[in-house]
Amino acid sequence: MHSLKKVLFLVLAAIATPVMAADAERGPVIQAYGPVYSVPQGSFNLDPDQDYKVIMDIGKGPEDPAAVDRGIESVARFLNMHARNGISSDKLEFALVLHGSAARAVLTDAAYKERFGTPNSNKPLLEELGQAGVAVYLCGQTAAYRGFEAEQLLPQVTMAVSAMTVHVRLQQEGYRPILF
């Protein structure tokens, strides 16, 4: 009887043990960033026949200045997960708006190192996003408040009057904000 209890316990333990999650994969749009997981075939998704204009707002950067901004990396995740699930990259037009402490991600390595003592770990991510056609906007009010000069910004960054200005204009042009 004792061995039957042991077998029953082992069977129940095996059933109750969660299955290990699959490994996240990067790409195909942004190769070095934006890991995503596979989902079951037929999961709710964007309509592959529609065009989408998306805007994401990030106002808070990581506390550690050497860390990659996970909010910015979410753009890479969005692009990668939809490409992996049948949405052509030419169906997605993406804009990223940075302000607040997240704005430091747009500084050149030299300007970043001068301020934070380390190279800008977000530079390669922003370069890949720019190559994928993501428009990157910097709030001009944040830039002025933080003393960021135009020559200190990465080349793929567009200075805006404000983050609010970008939102109003791009939403008027049909962009839909991702709110989270």
C-alpha atoms as a PDB file:
ATOM      1  CA  MET A   1       0.000   0.000   0.000  1.00  0.00           C
ATOM      2  CA  HIS A   2       2.869   2.324   0.805  1.00  0.00           C
ATOM      3  CA  SER A   3       4.259   2.045  -2.754  1.00  0.00           C
ATOM      4  CA  LEU A   4       0.807   2.758  -4.241  1.00  0.00           C
ATOM      5  CA  LYS A   5       0.636   6.031  -2.263  1.00  0.00           C
ATOM      6  CA  LYS A   6       4.122   6.891  -3.472  1.00  0.00           C
ATOM      7  CA  VAL A   7       3.184   6.250  -7.115  1.00  0.00           C
ATOM      8  CA  LEU A   8      -0.053   8.227  -6.718  1.00  0.00           C
ATOM      9  CA  PHE A   9       1.904  11.102  -5.150  1.00  0.00           C
ATOM     10  CA  LEU A  10       4.426  11.111  -8.004  1.00  0.00           C
ATOM     11  CA  VAL A  11       1.655  11.076 -10.631  1.00  0.00           C
ATOM     12  CA  LEU A  12      -0.181  13.966  -8.952  1.00  0.00           C
ATOM     13  CA  ALA A  13       3.065  15.912  -8.550  1.00  0.00           C
ATOM     14  CA  ALA A  14       3.848  15.456 -12.245  1.00  0.00           C
ATOM     15  CA  ILE A  15       0.386  16.677 -13.224  1.00  0.00           C
ATOM     16  CA  ALA A  16       0.575  19.690 -10.935  1.00  0.00           C
ATOM     17  CA  THR A  17       4.078  20.697 -12.037  1.00  0.00           C
ATOM     18  CA  PRO A  18       3.837  23.538 -14.568  1.00  0.00           C
ATOM     19  CA  VAL A  19       5.237  22.878 -17.991  1.00  0.00           C
ATOM     20  CA  MET A  20       8.469  24.767 -18.589  1.00  0.00           C
ATOM     21  CA  ALA A  21       7.905  27.782 -20.802  1.00  0.00           C
ATOM     22  CA  ALA A  22       9.331  27.701 -24.296  1.00  0.00           C
ATOM     23  CA  ASP A  23      12.393  29.776 -25.008  1.00  0.00           C
ATOM     24  CA  ALA A  24      11.847  33.274 -26.321  1.00  0.00           C
ATOM     25  CA  GLU A  25      13.138  33.987 -29.809  1.00  0.00           C
ATOM     26  CA  ARG A  26      14.351  37.205 -31.414  1.00  0.00           C
ATOM     27  CA  GLY A  27      13.728  38.482 -34.927  1.00  0.00           C
ATOM     28  CA  PRO A  28      12.786  38.476 -37.690  1.00  0.00           C
ATOM     29  CA  VAL A  29      12.419  42.291 -37.808  1.00  0.00           C
ATOM     30  CA  ILE A  30      14.691  43.329 -34.936  1.00  0.00           C
ATOM     31  CA  GLN A  31      17.420  40.718 -34.639  1.00  0.00           C
ATOM     32  CA  ALA A  32      19.197  41.604 -31.398  1.00  0.00           C
ATOM     33  CA  TYR A  33      16.210  42.718 -29.291  1.00  0.00           C
ATOM     34  CA  GLY A  34      12.559  42.056 -28.644  1.00  0.00           C
ATOM     35  CA  PRO A  35      12.361  38.408 -27.582  1.00  0.00           C
ATOM     36  CA  VAL A  36       8.910  36.873 -28.066  1.00  0.00           C
ATOM     37  CA  TYR A  37       7.211  33.560 -27.398  1.00  0.00           C
ATOM     38  CA  SER A  38       5.205  31.411 -29.761  1.00  0.00           C
ATOM     39  CA  VAL A  39       1.448  31.310 -29.274  1.00  0.00           C
ATOM     40  CA  PRO A  40      -1.039  28.729 -30.543  1.00  0.00           C
ATOM     41  CA  GLN A  41      -1.990  28.920 -34.219  1.00  0.00           C
ATOM     42  CA  GLY A  42      -5.209  30.920 -34.637  1.00  0.00           C
ATOM     43  CA  SER A  43      -4.661  33.179 -31.604  1.00  0.00           C
ATOM     44  CA  PHE A  44      -6.388  36.574 -31.809  1.00  0.00           C
ATOM     45  CA  ASN A  45      -4.177  38.789 -33.942  1.00  0.00           C
ATOM     46  CA  LEU A  46      -4.081  41.842 -36.162  1.00  0.00           C
ATOM     47  CA  ASP A  47      -5.846  41.509 -39.509  1.00  0.00           C
ATOM     48  CA  PRO A  48      -3.080  40.803 -42.064  1.00  0.00           C
ATOM     49  CA  ASP A  49      -5.028  42.686 -44.758  1.00  0.00           C
ATOM     50  CA  GLN A  50      -5.175  45.966 -42.805  1.00  0.00           C
ATOM     51  CA  ASP A  51      -2.576  48.730 -42.477  1.00  0.00           C
ATOM     52  CA  TYR A  52      -1.769  49.877 -38.950  1.00  0.00           C
ATOM     53  CA  LYS A  53      -0.317  53.090 -37.566  1.00  0.00           C
ATOM     54  CA  VAL A  54       0.852  52.644 -33.995  1.00  0.00           C
ATOM     55  CA  ILE A  55       2.281  55.062 -31.457  1.00  0.00           C
ATOM     56  CA  MET A  56       3.948  54.122 -28.188  1.00  0.00           C
ATOM     57  CA  ASP A  57       4.777  56.592 -25.436  1.00  0.00           C
ATOM     58  CA  ILE A  58       7.580  55.982 -22.950  1.00  0.00           C
ATOM     59  CA  GLY A  59       8.239  58.452 -20.165  1.00  0.00           C
ATOM     60  CA  LYS A  60      10.170  56.440 -17.605  1.00  0.00           C
ATOM     61  CA  GLY A  61      13.585  54.942 -18.214  1.00  0.00           C
ATOM     62  CA  PRO A  62      15.339  52.281 -16.163  1.00  0.00           C
ATOM     63  CA  GLU A  63      16.991  53.321 -12.913  1.00  0.00           C
ATOM     64  CA  ASP A  64      20.274  51.738 -13.982  1.00  0.00           C
ATOM     65  CA  PRO A  65      21.751  53.954 -16.723  1.00  0.00           C
ATOM     66  CA  ALA A  66      23.627  50.934 -18.142  1.00  0.00           C
ATOM     67  CA  ALA A  67      20.392  48.975 -18.685  1.00  0.00           C
ATOM     68  CA  VAL A  68      18.446  48.713 -21.936  1.00  0.00           C
ATOM     69  CA  ASP A  69      15.069  50.442 -21.647  1.00  0.00           C
ATOM     70  CA  ARG A  70      12.493  47.625 -21.609  1.00  0.00           C
ATOM     71  CA  GLY A  71       9.807  50.054 -22.746  1.00  0.00           C
ATOM     72  CA  ILE A  72      11.736  50.809 -25.914  1.00  0.00           C
ATOM     73  CA  GLU A  73      12.427  47.106 -26.352  1.00  0.00           C
ATOM     74  CA  SER A  74       8.644  46.591 -26.331  1.00  0.00           C
ATOM     75  CA  VAL A  75       8.579  48.221 -29.766  1.00  0.00           C
ATOM     76  CA  ALA A  76      10.970  45.518 -31.002  1.00  0.00           C
ATOM     77  CA  ARG A  77       8.766  42.879 -29.360  1.00  0.00           C
ATOM     78  CA  PHE A  78       5.667  44.263 -31.082  1.00  0.00           C
ATOM     79  CA  LEU A  79       7.342  44.191 -34.488  1.00  0.00           C
ATOM     80  CA  ASN A  80       8.877  40.739 -33.989  1.00  0.00           C
ATOM     81  CA  MET A  81       5.777  39.036 -32.586  1.00  0.00           C
ATOM     82  CA  HIS A  82       3.525  40.278 -35.347  1.00  0.00           C
ATOM     83  CA  ALA A  83       6.006  39.398 -38.085  1.00  0.00           C
ATOM     84  CA  ARG A  84       6.218  35.893 -36.583  1.00  0.00           C
ATOM     85  CA  ASN A  85       2.447  35.686 -36.704  1.00  0.00           C
ATOM     86  CA  GLY A  86       1.820  36.607 -40.315  1.00  0.00           C
ATOM     87  CA  ILE A  87       1.693  40.418 -40.256  1.00  0.00           C
ATOM     88  CA  SER A  88       3.943  41.882 -42.939  1.00  0.00           C
ATOM     89  CA  SER A  89       6.237  44.677 -41.743  1.00  0.00           C
ATOM     90  CA  ASP A  90       4.944  46.905 -44.528  1.00  0.00           C
ATOM     91  CA  LYS A  91       1.510  46.796 -42.824  1.00  0.00           C
ATOM     92  CA  LEU A  92       2.895  48.454 -39.668  1.00  0.00           C
ATOM     93  CA  GLU A  93       3.900  52.097 -39.328  1.00  0.00           C
ATOM     94  CA  PHE A  94       5.331  52.689 -35.868  1.00  0.00           C
ATOM     95  CA  ALA A  95       6.180  55.848 -33.925  1.00  0.00           C
ATOM     96  CA  LEU A  96       7.960  55.985 -30.574  1.00  0.00           C
ATOM     97  CA  VAL A  97       7.647  59.057 -28.347  1.00  0.00           C
ATOM     98  CA  LEU A  98      10.194  59.546 -25.575  1.00  0.00           C
ATOM     99  CA  HIS A  99      10.049  62.005 -22.700  1.00  0.00           C
ATOM    100  CA  GLY A 100      10.895  62.153 -19.005  1.00  0.00           C
ATOM    101  CA  SER A 101      13.724  59.895 -17.858  1.00  0.00           C
ATOM    102  CA  ALA A 102      13.253  57.670 -20.941  1.00  0.00           C
ATOM    103  CA  ALA A 103      14.544  60.556 -23.090  1.00  0.00           C
ATOM    104  CA  ARG A 104      18.143  59.874 -22.121  1.00  0.00           C
ATOM    105  CA  ALA A 105      18.063  56.838 -24.447  1.00  0.00           C
ATOM    106  CA  VAL A 106      18.408  59.132 -27.486  1.00  0.00           C
ATOM    107  CA  LEU A 107      21.781  60.567 -26.462  1.00  0.00           C
ATOM    108  CA  THR A 108      24.945  59.757 -28.398  1.00  0.00           C
ATOM    109  CA  ASP A 109      27.481  57.555 -26.640  1.00  0.00           C
ATOM    110  CA  ALA A 110      29.694  60.565 -25.905  1.00  0.00           C
ATOM    111  CA  ALA A 111      26.878  62.624 -24.372  1.00  0.00           C
ATOM    112  CA  TYR A 112      25.532  59.617 -22.469  1.00  0.00           C
ATOM    113  CA  LYS A 113      28.956  58.683 -21.091  1.00  0.00           C
ATOM    114  CA  GLU A 114      29.588  62.264 -20.031  1.00  0.00           C
ATOM    115  CA  ARG A 115      26.328  62.329 -18.045  1.00  0.00           C
ATOM    116  CA  PHE A 116      26.079  58.746 -16.794  1.00  0.00           C
ATOM    117  CA  GLY A 117      29.604  57.325 -16.961  1.00  0.00           C
ATOM    118  CA  THR A 118      28.713  54.516 -19.361  1.00  0.00           C
ATOM    119  CA  PRO A 119      27.995  54.184 -23.088  1.00  0.00           C
ATOM    120  CA  ASN A 120      24.352  54.338 -24.177  1.00  0.00           C
ATOM    121  CA  SER A 121      23.137  50.726 -24.155  1.00  0.00           C
ATOM    122  CA  ASN A 122      19.972  51.809 -26.002  1.00  0.00           C
ATOM    123  CA  LYS A 123      21.856  53.098 -29.047  1.00  0.00           C
ATOM    124  CA  PRO A 124      22.049  49.732 -30.897  1.00  0.00           C
ATOM    125  CA  LEU A 125      18.362  49.085 -30.188  1.00  0.00           C
ATOM    126  CA  LEU A 126      17.335  52.517 -31.483  1.00  0.00           C
ATOM    127  CA  GLU A 127      19.548  52.023 -34.558  1.00  0.00           C
ATOM    128  CA  GLU A 128      17.815  48.720 -35.360  1.00  0.00           C
ATOM    129  CA  LEU A 129      14.403  50.279 -34.795  1.00  0.00           C
ATOM    130  CA  GLY A 130      15.326  53.157 -37.113  1.00  0.00           C
ATOM    131  CA  GLN A 131      16.474  50.700 -39.794  1.00  0.00           C
ATOM    132  CA  ALA A 132      13.093  48.966 -39.439  1.00  0.00           C
ATOM    133  CA  GLY A 133      11.317  52.262 -40.151  1.00  0.00           C
ATOM    134  CA  VAL A 134      10.305  53.211 -36.611  1.00  0.00           C
ATOM    135  CA  ALA A 135      10.039  56.991 -36.218  1.00  0.00           C
ATOM    136  CA  VAL A 136      11.575  58.169 -32.929  1.00  0.00           C
ATOM    137  CA  TYR A 137      10.385  61.468 -31.468  1.00  0.00           C
ATOM    138  CA  LEU A 138      11.912  63.292 -28.510  1.00  0.00           C
ATOM    139  CA  CYS A 139       9.870  65.687 -26.411  1.00  0.00           C
ATOM    140  CA  GLY A 140      11.509  69.089 -26.889  1.00  0.00           C
ATOM    141  CA  GLN A 141      10.342  70.217 -23.461  1.00  0.00           C
ATOM    142  CA  THR A 142      12.125  67.285 -21.833  1.00  0.00           C
ATOM    143  CA  ALA A 143      15.223  67.928 -23.939  1.00  0.00           C
ATOM    144  CA  ALA A 144      15.335  71.594 -22.900  1.00  0.00           C
ATOM    145  CA  TYR A 145      14.653  70.785 -19.233  1.00  0.00           C
ATOM    146  CA  ARG A 146      17.430  68.168 -19.182  1.00  0.00           C
ATOM    147  CA  GLY A 147      19.869  70.282 -21.213  1.00  0.00           C
ATOM    148  CA  PHE A 148      20.056  67.963 -24.226  1.00  0.00           C
ATOM    149  CA  GLU A 149      21.504  69.774 -27.238  1.00  0.00           C
ATOM    150  CA  ALA A 150      20.543  68.798 -30.802  1.00  0.00           C
ATOM    151  CA  GLU A 151      24.094  67.653 -31.603  1.00  0.00           C
ATOM    152  CA  GLN A 152      23.949  65.249 -28.626  1.00  0.00           C
ATOM    153  CA  LEU A 153      21.066  63.266 -30.134  1.00  0.00           C
ATOM    154  CA  LEU A 154      21.252  60.086 -32.179  1.00  0.00           C
ATOM    155  CA  PRO A 155      20.715  60.817 -35.887  1.00  0.00           C
ATOM    156  CA  GLN A 156      17.421  58.898 -36.183  1.00  0.00           C
ATOM    157  CA  VAL A 157      15.728  61.086 -33.556  1.00  0.00           C
ATOM    158  CA  THR A 158      13.294  63.858 -34.459  1.00  0.00           C
ATOM    159  CA  MET A 159      12.896  66.701 -31.976  1.00  0.00           C
ATOM    160  CA  ALA A 160       9.264  67.692 -31.374  1.00  0.00           C
ATOM    161  CA  VAL A 161       7.792  70.728 -29.668  1.00  0.00           C
ATOM    162  CA  SER A 162       6.519  68.325 -27.002  1.00  0.00           C
ATOM    163  CA  ALA A 163       5.465  64.710 -26.511  1.00  0.00           C
ATOM    164  CA  MET A 164       1.868  65.944 -26.334  1.00  0.00           C
ATOM    165  CA  THR A 165       2.302  67.613 -29.718  1.00  0.00           C
ATOM    166  CA  VAL A 166       3.427  64.338 -31.293  1.00  0.00           C
ATOM    167  CA  HIS A 167       0.436  62.499 -29.846  1.00  0.00           C
ATOM    168  CA  VAL A 168      -2.106  65.043 -31.054  1.00  0.00           C
ATOM    169  CA  ARG A 169      -0.665  65.272 -34.546  1.00  0.00           C
ATOM    170  CA  LEU A 170      -0.072  61.555 -35.105  1.00  0.00           C
ATOM    171  CA  GLN A 171      -3.473  60.591 -33.723  1.00  0.00           C
ATOM    172  CA  GLN A 172      -4.976  63.141 -36.103  1.00  0.00           C
ATOM    173  CA  GLU A 173      -3.057  61.306 -38.863  1.00  0.00           C
ATOM    174  CA  GLY A 174      -4.629  57.985 -37.849  1.00  0.00           C
ATOM    175  CA  TYR A 175      -2.096  56.549 -35.401  1.00  0.00           C
ATOM    176  CA  ARG A 176      -3.504  54.445 -32.550  1.00  0.00           C
ATOM    177  CA  PRO A 177      -1.780  54.629 -29.159  1.00  0.00           C
ATOM    178  CA  ILE A 178      -0.763  51.518 -27.273  1.00  0.00           C
ATOM    179  CA  LEU A 179      -1.858  52.201 -23.715  1.00  0.00           C
ATOM    180  CA  PHE A 180      -0.277  50.225 -20.893  1.00  0.00           C
END
